[in-house]
Amino acid sequence: MTVNIQTVHFDADSKLISYIEKKISKLSQYHESITKADVYLKLDNIVHNIKDKVVEIKLIVPRHEFFVKHSSKSFEESFDEAMDALIIQIKKKKEKQAA
């Protein structure tokens, strides 16, 4: 699996990058044929210059693509929420294929 992490308008520290890579690698236990994972980290300006941390994850498997987007006050929290949603999508897809 290829993991591609992109930051928009800022530079992520190595701690955040390694946190994301470690968590993404665990997705292989839910789907064995993941070919690529794209993670986008963005700062979203809303009102009063409060920047929400937005995480988008695009997961590519043969003949299917999963996509989730979450935002919160920290990248770790946004990423964890996005991962939970992604795991639910993967499980639903596997259930449909099994049926």
PDB file of N, CA and C in Angstrom:
ATOM      1  N   MET A   1       0.847  -1.183   0.000  1.00  0.00           N
ATOM      2  CA  MET A   1       0.000   0.000   0.000  1.00  0.00           C
ATOM      3  C   MET A   1       0.890   1.243   0.000  1.00  0.00           C
ATOM      4  N   THR A   2       0.568   2.171  -0.887  1.00  0.00           N
ATOM      5  CA  THR A   2       1.277   3.438  -0.949  1.00  0.00           C
ATOM      6  C   THR A   2       0.518   4.464  -0.127  1.00  0.00           C
ATOM      7  N   VAL A   3       1.220   5.149   0.777  1.00  0.00           N
ATOM      8  CA  VAL A   3       0.589   6.186   1.590  1.00  0.00           C
ATOM      9  C   VAL A   3       1.136   7.539   1.154  1.00  0.00           C
ATOM     10  N   ASN A   4       0.228   8.433   0.782  1.00  0.00           N
ATOM     11  CA  ASN A   4       0.602   9.756   0.313  1.00  0.00           C
ATOM     12  C   ASN A   4      -0.054  10.782   1.233  1.00  0.00           C
ATOM     13  N   ILE A   5       0.768  11.547   1.962  1.00  0.00           N
ATOM     14  CA  ILE A   5       0.234  12.549   2.887  1.00  0.00           C
ATOM     15  C   ILE A   5       0.562  13.930   2.336  1.00  0.00           C
ATOM     16  N   GLN A   6      -0.485  14.733   2.130  1.00  0.00           N
ATOM     17  CA  GLN A   6      -0.286  16.082   1.609  1.00  0.00           C
ATOM     18  C   GLN A   6      -0.843  17.100   2.584  1.00  0.00           C
ATOM     19  N   THR A   7      -0.066  18.167   2.808  1.00  0.00           N
ATOM     20  CA  THR A   7      -0.527  19.250   3.665  1.00  0.00           C
ATOM     21  C   THR A   7      -0.784  20.471   2.794  1.00  0.00           C
ATOM     22  N   VAL A   8      -1.820  21.196   3.108  1.00  0.00           N
ATOM     23  CA  VAL A   8      -2.202  22.369   2.328  1.00  0.00           C
ATOM     24  C   VAL A   8      -1.981  23.625   3.177  1.00  0.00           C
ATOM     25  N   HIS A   9      -1.099  24.510   2.740  1.00  0.00           N
ATOM     26  CA  HIS A   9      -0.798  25.801   3.375  1.00  0.00           C
ATOM     27  C   HIS A   9      -0.115  25.705   4.736  1.00  0.00           C
ATOM     28  N   PHE A  10       0.521  24.580   5.042  1.00  0.00           N
ATOM     29  CA  PHE A  10       1.314  24.481   6.266  1.00  0.00           C
ATOM     30  C   PHE A  10       2.207  23.242   6.168  1.00  0.00           C
ATOM     31  N   ASP A  11       3.158  23.116   7.079  1.00  0.00           N
ATOM     32  CA  ASP A  11       4.027  21.940   7.134  1.00  0.00           C
ATOM     33  C   ASP A  11       3.709  21.156   8.393  1.00  0.00           C
ATOM     34  N   ALA A  12       3.401  19.870   8.219  1.00  0.00           N
ATOM     35  CA  ALA A  12       3.088  19.013   9.367  1.00  0.00           C
ATOM     36  C   ALA A  12       4.377  18.573  10.041  1.00  0.00           C
ATOM     37  N   ASP A  13       4.335  18.444  11.366  1.00  0.00           N
ATOM     38  CA  ASP A  13       5.526  17.956  12.057  1.00  0.00           C
ATOM     39  C   ASP A  13       5.637  16.444  11.922  1.00  0.00           C
ATOM     40  N   SER A  14       6.821  15.933  12.162  1.00  0.00           N
ATOM     41  CA  SER A  14       7.085  14.499  11.947  1.00  0.00           C
ATOM     42  C   SER A  14       6.244  13.622  12.864  1.00  0.00           C
ATOM     43  N   LYS A  15       5.886  14.126  14.041  1.00  0.00           N
ATOM     44  CA  LYS A  15       5.065  13.353  14.984  1.00  0.00           C
ATOM     45  C   LYS A  15       3.687  13.081  14.389  1.00  0.00           C
ATOM     46  N   LEU A  16       3.087  14.097  13.759  1.00  0.00           N
ATOM     47  CA  LEU A  16       1.774  13.944  13.132  1.00  0.00           C
ATOM     48  C   LEU A  16       1.856  12.994  11.940  1.00  0.00           C
ATOM     49  N   ILE A  17       2.896  13.125  11.131  1.00  0.00           N
ATOM     50  CA  ILE A  17       3.077  12.260   9.960  1.00  0.00           C
ATOM     51  C   ILE A  17       3.213  10.798  10.385  1.00  0.00           C
ATOM     52  N   SER A  18       4.036  10.532  11.385  1.00  0.00           N
ATOM     53  CA  SER A  18       4.221   9.142  11.825  1.00  0.00           C
ATOM     54  C   SER A  18       2.950   8.590  12.469  1.00  0.00           C
ATOM     55  N   TYR A  19       2.190   9.439  13.176  1.00  0.00           N
ATOM     56  CA  TYR A  19       0.912   9.038  13.765  1.00  0.00           C
ATOM     57  C   TYR A  19      -0.044   8.569  12.667  1.00  0.00           C
ATOM     58  N   ILE A  20      -0.129   9.348  11.597  1.00  0.00           N
ATOM     59  CA  ILE A  20      -1.022   9.026  10.482  1.00  0.00           C
ATOM     60  C   ILE A  20      -0.567   7.751   9.781  1.00  0.00           C
ATOM     61  N   GLU A  21       0.724   7.630   9.501  1.00  0.00           N
ATOM     62  CA  GLU A  21       1.242   6.439   8.810  1.00  0.00           C
ATOM     63  C   GLU A  21       0.991   5.172   9.616  1.00  0.00           C
ATOM     64  N   LYS A  22       1.182   5.266  10.936  1.00  0.00           N
ATOM     65  CA  LYS A  22       0.970   4.098  11.801  1.00  0.00           C
ATOM     66  C   LYS A  22      -0.498   3.655  11.763  1.00  0.00           C
ATOM     67  N   LYS A  23      -1.409   4.620  11.856  1.00  0.00           N
ATOM     68  CA  LYS A  23      -2.842   4.303  11.855  1.00  0.00           C
ATOM     69  C   LYS A  23      -3.299   3.778  10.491  1.00  0.00           C
ATOM     70  N   ILE A  24      -2.815   4.389   9.405  1.00  0.00           N
ATOM     71  CA  ILE A  24      -3.213   3.970   8.057  1.00  0.00           C
ATOM     72  C   ILE A  24      -2.766   2.525   7.803  1.00  0.00           C
ATOM     73  N   SER A  25      -1.593   2.160   8.288  1.00  0.00           N
ATOM     74  CA  SER A  25      -1.089   0.801   8.048  1.00  0.00           C
ATOM     75  C   SER A  25      -1.998  -0.255   8.678  1.00  0.00           C
ATOM     76  N   LYS A  26      -2.749   0.112   9.707  1.00  0.00           N
ATOM     77  CA  LYS A  26      -3.662  -0.837  10.356  1.00  0.00           C
ATOM     78  C   LYS A  26      -4.907  -1.128   9.523  1.00  0.00           C
ATOM     79  N   LEU A  27      -5.148  -0.319   8.475  1.00  0.00           N
ATOM     80  CA  LEU A  27      -6.327  -0.548   7.633  1.00  0.00           C
ATOM     81  C   LEU A  27      -6.248  -1.860   6.865  1.00  0.00           C
ATOM     82  N   SER A  28      -5.053  -2.378   6.671  1.00  0.00           N
ATOM     83  CA  SER A  28      -4.905  -3.623   5.912  1.00  0.00           C
ATOM     84  C   SER A  28      -5.591  -4.802   6.606  1.00  0.00           C
ATOM     85  N   GLN A  29      -5.871  -4.692   7.899  1.00  0.00           N
ATOM     86  CA  GLN A  29      -6.592  -5.774   8.581  1.00  0.00           C
ATOM     87  C   GLN A  29      -8.078  -5.769   8.219  1.00  0.00           C
ATOM     88  N   TYR A  30      -8.586  -4.656   7.676  1.00  0.00           N
ATOM     89  CA  TYR A  30      -9.991  -4.587   7.272  1.00  0.00           C
ATOM     90  C   TYR A  30     -10.187  -4.896   5.791  1.00  0.00           C
ATOM     91  N   HIS A  31      -9.164  -4.585   4.984  1.00  0.00           N
ATOM     92  CA  HIS A  31      -9.247  -4.884   3.554  1.00  0.00           C
ATOM     93  C   HIS A  31      -7.844  -5.229   3.075  1.00  0.00           C
ATOM     94  N   GLU A  32      -7.688  -6.421   2.528  1.00  0.00           N
ATOM     95  CA  GLU A  32      -6.345  -6.925   2.199  1.00  0.00           C
ATOM     96  C   GLU A  32      -5.769  -6.386   0.902  1.00  0.00           C
ATOM     97  N   SER A  33      -6.599  -5.796   0.040  1.00  0.00           N
ATOM     98  CA  SER A  33      -6.071  -5.366  -1.257  1.00  0.00           C
ATOM     99  C   SER A  33      -6.106  -3.846  -1.452  1.00  0.00           C
ATOM    100  N   ILE A  34      -5.770  -3.096  -0.404  1.00  0.00           N
ATOM    101  CA  ILE A  34      -5.684  -1.641  -0.514  1.00  0.00           C
ATOM    102  C   ILE A  34      -4.422  -1.309  -1.312  1.00  0.00           C
ATOM    103  N   THR A  35      -4.578  -0.522  -2.363  1.00  0.00           N
ATOM    104  CA  THR A  35      -3.414  -0.189  -3.183  1.00  0.00           C
ATOM    105  C   THR A  35      -2.827   1.169  -2.825  1.00  0.00           C
ATOM    106  N   LYS A  36      -3.694   2.127  -2.427  1.00  0.00           N
ATOM    107  CA  LYS A  36      -3.192   3.476  -2.184  1.00  0.00           C
ATOM    108  C   LYS A  36      -4.056   4.199  -1.171  1.00  0.00           C
ATOM    109  N   ALA A  37      -3.415   5.009  -0.345  1.00  0.00           N
ATOM    110  CA  ALA A  37      -4.136   5.858   0.601  1.00  0.00           C
ATOM    111  C   ALA A  37      -3.627   7.286   0.445  1.00  0.00           C
ATOM    112  N   ASP A  38      -4.531   8.200   0.135  1.00  0.00           N
ATOM    113  CA  ASP A  38      -4.195   9.620   0.051  1.00  0.00           C
ATOM    114  C   ASP A  38      -4.791  10.326   1.260  1.00  0.00           C
ATOM    115  N   VAL A  39      -3.942  11.030   2.006  1.00  0.00           N
ATOM    116  CA  VAL A  39      -4.402  11.773   3.178  1.00  0.00           C
ATOM    117  C   VAL A  39      -4.112  13.250   2.936  1.00  0.00           C
ATOM    118  N   TYR A  40      -5.139  14.071   3.053  1.00  0.00           N
ATOM    119  CA  TYR A  40      -4.989  15.511   2.870  1.00  0.00           C
ATOM    120  C   TYR A  40      -5.262  16.209   4.193  1.00  0.00           C
ATOM    121  N   LEU A  41      -4.337  17.037   4.629  1.00  0.00           N
ATOM    122  CA  LEU A  41      -4.478  17.801   5.865  1.00  0.00           C
ATOM    123  C   LEU A  41      -4.621  19.268   5.486  1.00  0.00           C
ATOM    124  N   LYS A  42      -5.699  19.897   5.942  1.00  0.00           N
ATOM    125  CA  LYS A  42      -5.969  21.281   5.561  1.00  0.00           C
ATOM    126  C   LYS A  42      -6.351  22.108   6.777  1.00  0.00           C
ATOM    127  N   LEU A  43      -6.049  23.398   6.705  1.00  0.00           N
ATOM    128  CA  LEU A  43      -6.529  24.353   7.698  1.00  0.00           C
ATOM    129  C   LEU A  43      -7.712  25.078   7.081  1.00  0.00           C
ATOM    130  N   ASP A  44      -8.840  25.067   7.767  1.00  0.00           N
ATOM    131  CA  ASP A  44     -10.050  25.666   7.228  1.00  0.00           C
ATOM    132  C   ASP A  44     -10.392  26.917   8.023  1.00  0.00           C
ATOM    133  N   ASN A  45     -10.349  28.072   7.383  1.00  0.00           N
ATOM    134  CA  ASN A  45     -10.707  29.328   8.053  1.00  0.00           C
ATOM    135  C   ASN A  45     -12.213  29.498   8.042  1.00  0.00           C
ATOM    136  N   ILE A  46     -12.765  29.647   9.230  1.00  0.00           N
ATOM    137  CA  ILE A  46     -14.200  29.868   9.292  1.00  0.00           C
ATOM    138  C   ILE A  46     -14.396  31.297   9.846  1.00  0.00           C
ATOM    139  N   VAL A  47     -15.074  31.467  10.940  1.00  0.00           N
ATOM    140  CA  VAL A  47     -15.280  32.804  11.485  1.00  0.00           C
ATOM    141  C   VAL A  47     -14.231  33.128  12.543  1.00  0.00           C
ATOM    142  N   HIS A  48     -13.916  34.388  12.689  1.00  0.00           N
ATOM    143  CA  HIS A  48     -13.003  34.888  13.722  1.00  0.00           C
ATOM    144  C   HIS A  48     -11.627  34.222  13.680  1.00  0.00           C
ATOM    145  N   ASN A  49     -11.179  33.802  12.506  1.00  0.00           N
ATOM    146  CA  ASN A  49      -9.852  33.190  12.330  1.00  0.00           C
ATOM    147  C   ASN A  49      -9.629  31.937  13.156  1.00  0.00           C
ATOM    148  N   ILE A  50     -10.702  31.283  13.573  1.00  0.00           N
ATOM    149  CA  ILE A  50     -10.552  29.994  14.247  1.00  0.00           C
ATOM    150  C   ILE A  50     -10.337  28.967  13.150  1.00  0.00           C
ATOM    151  N   LYS A  51      -9.203  28.320  13.172  1.00  0.00           N
ATOM    152  CA  LYS A  51      -8.879  27.388  12.097  1.00  0.00           C
ATOM    153  C   LYS A  51      -9.296  25.978  12.494  1.00  0.00           C
ATOM    154  N   ASP A  52     -10.217  25.416  11.734  1.00  0.00           N
ATOM    155  CA  ASP A  52     -10.564  24.014  11.928  1.00  0.00           C
ATOM    156  C   ASP A  52      -9.547  23.165  11.186  1.00  0.00           C
ATOM    157  N   LYS A  53      -9.205  22.032  11.755  1.00  0.00           N
ATOM    158  CA  LYS A  53      -8.274  21.096  11.126  1.00  0.00           C
ATOM    159  C   LYS A  53      -9.085  20.063  10.352  1.00  0.00           C
ATOM    160  N   VAL A  54      -8.922  20.057   9.039  1.00  0.00           N
ATOM    161  CA  VAL A  54      -9.703  19.187   8.168  1.00  0.00           C
ATOM    162  C   VAL A  54      -8.819  18.053   7.672  1.00  0.00           C
ATOM    163  N   VAL A  55      -9.333  16.835   7.780  1.00  0.00           N
ATOM    164  CA  VAL A  55      -8.625  15.654   7.284  1.00  0.00           C
ATOM    165  C   VAL A  55      -9.511  14.964   6.253  1.00  0.00           C
ATOM    166  N   GLU A  56      -8.935  14.713   5.073  1.00  0.00           N
ATOM    167  CA  GLU A  56      -9.628  13.955   4.035  1.00  0.00           C
ATOM    168  C   GLU A  56      -8.792  12.721   3.744  1.00  0.00           C
ATOM    169  N   ILE A  57      -9.449  11.569   3.662  1.00  0.00           N
ATOM    170  CA  ILE A  57      -8.748  10.326   3.346  1.00  0.00           C
ATOM    171  C   ILE A  57      -9.419   9.687   2.146  1.00  0.00           C
ATOM    172  N   LYS A  58      -8.625   9.384   1.133  1.00  0.00           N
ATOM    173  CA  LYS A  58      -9.122   8.658  -0.038  1.00  0.00           C
ATOM    174  C   LYS A  58      -8.368   7.330  -0.078  1.00  0.00           C
ATOM    175  N   LEU A  59      -9.117   6.246  -0.034  1.00  0.00           N
ATOM    176  CA  LEU A  59      -8.538   4.905  -0.013  1.00  0.00           C
ATOM    177  C   LEU A  59      -8.912   4.197  -1.304  1.00  0.00           C
ATOM    178  N   ILE A  60      -7.912   3.672  -1.988  1.00  0.00           N
ATOM    179  CA  ILE A  60      -8.166   3.049  -3.276  1.00  0.00           C
ATOM    180  C   ILE A  60      -7.917   1.546  -3.185  1.00  0.00           C
ATOM    181  N   VAL A  61      -8.948   0.796  -3.558  1.00  0.00           N
ATOM    182  CA  VAL A  61      -8.864  -0.662  -3.652  1.00  0.00           C
ATOM    183  C   VAL A  61      -9.298  -1.023  -5.074  1.00  0.00           C
ATOM    184  N   PRO A  62      -8.980  -2.206  -5.548  1.00  0.00           N
ATOM    185  CA  PRO A  62      -9.404  -2.566  -6.905  1.00  0.00           C
ATOM    186  C   PRO A  62     -10.916  -2.412  -7.091  1.00  0.00           C
ATOM    187  N   ARG A  63     -11.307  -1.695  -8.130  1.00  0.00           N
ATOM    188  CA  ARG A  63     -12.709  -1.478  -8.514  1.00  0.00           C
ATOM    189  C   ARG A  63     -13.533  -0.696  -7.496  1.00  0.00           C
ATOM    190  N   HIS A  64     -12.883   0.002  -6.549  1.00  0.00           N
ATOM    191  CA  HIS A  64     -13.642   0.813  -5.596  1.00  0.00           C
ATOM    192  C   HIS A  64     -12.744   1.881  -4.968  1.00  0.00           C
ATOM    193  N   GLU A  65     -13.399   2.943  -4.521  1.00  0.00           N
ATOM    194  CA  GLU A  65     -12.697   4.037  -3.863  1.00  0.00           C
ATOM    195  C   GLU A  65     -13.503   4.486  -2.656  1.00  0.00           C
ATOM    196  N   PHE A  66     -12.846   4.625  -1.518  1.00  0.00           N
ATOM    197  CA  PHE A  66     -13.504   5.107  -0.305  1.00  0.00           C
ATOM    198  C   PHE A  66     -13.042   6.531  -0.046  1.00  0.00           C
ATOM    199  N   PHE A  67     -13.944   7.389   0.445  1.00  0.00           N
ATOM    200  CA  PHE A  67     -13.565   8.767   0.749  1.00  0.00           C
ATOM    201  C   PHE A  67     -14.274   9.238   2.007  1.00  0.00           C
ATOM    202  N   VAL A  68     -13.510   9.865   2.904  1.00  0.00           N
ATOM    203  CA  VAL A  68     -14.099  10.459   4.111  1.00  0.00           C
ATOM    204  C   VAL A  68     -13.458  11.819   4.352  1.00  0.00           C
ATOM    205  N   LYS A  69     -14.224  12.677   5.025  1.00  0.00           N
ATOM    206  CA  LYS A  69     -13.728  14.014   5.362  1.00  0.00           C
ATOM    207  C   LYS A  69     -14.262  14.384   6.727  1.00  0.00           C
ATOM    208  N   HIS A  70     -13.375  14.811   7.623  1.00  0.00           N
ATOM    209  CA  HIS A  70     -13.798  15.234   8.960  1.00  0.00           C
ATOM    210  C   HIS A  70     -13.004  16.453   9.384  1.00  0.00           C
ATOM    211  N   SER A  71     -13.626  17.277  10.229  1.00  0.00           N
ATOM    212  CA  SER A  71     -12.916  18.434  10.758  1.00  0.00           C
ATOM    213  C   SER A  71     -13.194  18.579  12.246  1.00  0.00           C
ATOM    214  N   SER A  72     -12.189  19.082  12.968  1.00  0.00           N
ATOM    215  CA  SER A  72     -12.323  19.354  14.397  1.00  0.00           C
ATOM    216  C   SER A  72     -11.218  20.341  14.775  1.00  0.00           C
ATOM    217  N   LYS A  73     -10.968  20.480  16.053  1.00  0.00           N
ATOM    218  CA  LYS A  73      -9.964  21.448  16.517  1.00  0.00           C
ATOM    219  C   LYS A  73      -8.535  20.908  16.475  1.00  0.00           C
ATOM    220  N   SER A  74      -8.359  19.601  16.300  1.00  0.00           N
ATOM    221  CA  SER A  74      -7.004  19.050  16.187  1.00  0.00           C
ATOM    222  C   SER A  74      -6.947  18.036  15.047  1.00  0.00           C
ATOM    223  N   PHE A  75      -5.771  17.904  14.433  1.00  0.00           N
ATOM    224  CA  PHE A  75      -5.625  16.961  13.327  1.00  0.00           C
ATOM    225  C   PHE A  75      -5.805  15.524  13.799  1.00  0.00           C
ATOM    226  N   GLU A  76      -5.301  15.214  14.989  1.00  0.00           N
ATOM    227  CA  GLU A  76      -5.420  13.848  15.505  1.00  0.00           C
ATOM    228  C   GLU A  76      -6.887  13.463  15.674  1.00  0.00           C
ATOM    229  N   GLU A  77      -7.671  14.365  16.244  1.00  0.00           N
ATOM    230  CA  GLU A  77      -9.096  14.087  16.450  1.00  0.00           C
ATOM    231  C   GLU A  77      -9.819  13.943  15.107  1.00  0.00           C
ATOM    232  N   SER A  78      -9.530  14.849  14.173  1.00  0.00           N
ATOM    233  CA  SER A  78     -10.147  14.770  12.841  1.00  0.00           C
ATOM    234  C   SER A  78      -9.773  13.473  12.155  1.00  0.00           C
ATOM    235  N   PHE A  79      -8.490  13.099  12.267  1.00  0.00           N
ATOM    236  CA  PHE A  79      -8.012  11.879  11.623  1.00  0.00           C
ATOM    237  C   PHE A  79      -8.679  10.643  12.221  1.00  0.00           C
ATOM    238  N   ASP A  80      -8.771  10.601  13.552  1.00  0.00           N
ATOM    239  CA  ASP A  80      -9.404   9.451  14.211  1.00  0.00           C
ATOM    240  C   ASP A  80     -10.870   9.304  13.808  1.00  0.00           C
ATOM    241  N   GLU A  81     -11.587  10.426  13.733  1.00  0.00           N
ATOM    242  CA  GLU A  81     -12.986  10.378  13.308  1.00  0.00           C
ATOM    243  C   GLU A  81     -13.100   9.895  11.861  1.00  0.00           C
ATOM    244  N   ALA A  82     -12.207  10.385  11.003  1.00  0.00           N
ATOM    245  CA  ALA A  82     -12.211   9.975   9.603  1.00  0.00           C
ATOM    246  C   ALA A  82     -11.898   8.488   9.481  1.00  0.00           C
ATOM    247  N   MET A  83     -10.943   8.008  10.264  1.00  0.00           N
ATOM    248  CA  MET A  83     -10.590   6.581  10.238  1.00  0.00           C
ATOM    249  C   MET A  83     -11.774   5.723  10.661  1.00  0.00           C
ATOM    250  N   ASP A  84     -12.482   6.126  11.711  1.00  0.00           N
ATOM    251  CA  ASP A  84     -13.650   5.364  12.165  1.00  0.00           C
ATOM    252  C   ASP A  84     -14.695   5.277  11.053  1.00  0.00           C
ATOM    253  N   ALA A  85     -14.951   6.398  10.382  1.00  0.00           N
ATOM    254  CA  ALA A  85     -15.928   6.416   9.298  1.00  0.00           C
ATOM    255  C   ALA A  85     -15.455   5.541   8.135  1.00  0.00           C
ATOM    256  N   LEU A  86     -14.156   5.566   7.869  1.00  0.00           N
ATOM    257  CA  LEU A  86     -13.593   4.769   6.777  1.00  0.00           C
ATOM    258  C   LEU A  86     -13.727   3.276   7.058  1.00  0.00           C
ATOM    259  N   ILE A  87     -13.468   2.872   8.289  1.00  0.00           N
ATOM    260  CA  ILE A  87     -13.580   1.458   8.671  1.00  0.00           C
ATOM    261  C   ILE A  87     -15.028   0.991   8.518  1.00  0.00           C
ATOM    262  N   ILE A  88     -15.983   1.847   8.888  1.00  0.00           N
ATOM    263  CA  ILE A  88     -17.402   1.499   8.728  1.00  0.00           C
ATOM    264  C   ILE A  88     -17.731   1.300   7.254  1.00  0.00           C
ATOM    265  N   GLN A  89     -17.234   2.209   6.389  1.00  0.00           N
ATOM    266  CA  GLN A  89     -17.472   2.072   4.946  1.00  0.00           C
ATOM    267  C   GLN A  89     -16.896   0.759   4.413  1.00  0.00           C
ATOM    268  N   ILE A  90     -15.679   0.432   4.829  1.00  0.00           N
ATOM    269  CA  ILE A  90     -15.023  -0.797   4.356  1.00  0.00           C
ATOM    270  C   ILE A  90     -15.825  -2.020   4.787  1.00  0.00           C
ATOM    271  N   LYS A  91     -16.269  -2.036   6.050  1.00  0.00           N
ATOM    272  CA  LYS A  91     -17.035  -3.174   6.556  1.00  0.00           C
ATOM    273  C   LYS A  91     -18.353  -3.330   5.799  1.00  0.00           C
ATOM    274  N   LYS A  92     -19.042  -2.207   5.529  1.00  0.00           N
ATOM    275  CA  LYS A  92     -20.307  -2.263   4.781  1.00  0.00           C
ATOM    276  C   LYS A  92     -20.083  -2.819   3.382  1.00  0.00           C
ATOM    277  N   LYS A  93     -19.021  -2.372   2.721  1.00  0.00           N
ATOM    278  CA  LYS A  93     -18.712  -2.844   1.375  1.00  0.00           C
ATOM    279  C   LYS A  93     -18.425  -4.344   1.380  1.00  0.00           C
ATOM    280  N   LYS A  94     -17.679  -4.807   2.382  1.00  0.00           N
ATOM    281  CA  LYS A  94     -17.362  -6.234   2.488  1.00  0.00           C
ATOM    282  C   LYS A  94     -18.623  -7.050   2.739  1.00  0.00           C
ATOM    283  N   GLU A  95     -19.536  -6.547   3.542  1.00  0.00           N
ATOM    284  CA  GLU A  95     -20.799  -7.247   3.824  1.00  0.00           C
ATOM    285  C   GLU A  95     -21.627  -7.378   2.543  1.00  0.00           C
ATOM    286  N   LYS A  96     -21.659  -6.323   1.732  1.00  0.00           N
ATOM    287  CA  LYS A  96     -22.405  -6.361   0.474  1.00  0.00           C
ATOM    288  C   LYS A  96     -21.795  -7.377  -0.480  1.00  0.00           C
ATOM    289  N   GLN A  97     -20.465  -7.432  -0.514  1.00  0.00           N
ATOM    290  CA  GLN A  97     -19.789  -8.387  -1.416  1.00  0.00           C
ATOM    291  C   GLN A  97     -20.030  -9.816  -0.965  1.00  0.00           C
ATOM    292  N   ALA A  98     -20.102 -10.025   0.345  1.00  0.00           N
ATOM    293  CA  ALA A  98     -20.296 -11.379   0.868  1.00  0.00           C
ATOM    294  C   ALA A  98     -21.724 -11.867   0.630  1.00  0.00           C
ATOM    295  N   ALA A  99     -22.657 -10.927   0.596  1.00  0.00           N
ATOM    296  CA  ALA A  99     -24.069 -11.308   0.428  1.00  0.00           C
ATOM    297  C   ALA A  99     -24.413 -11.709  -0.993  1.00  0.00           C
TER     298      ALA A  99
END
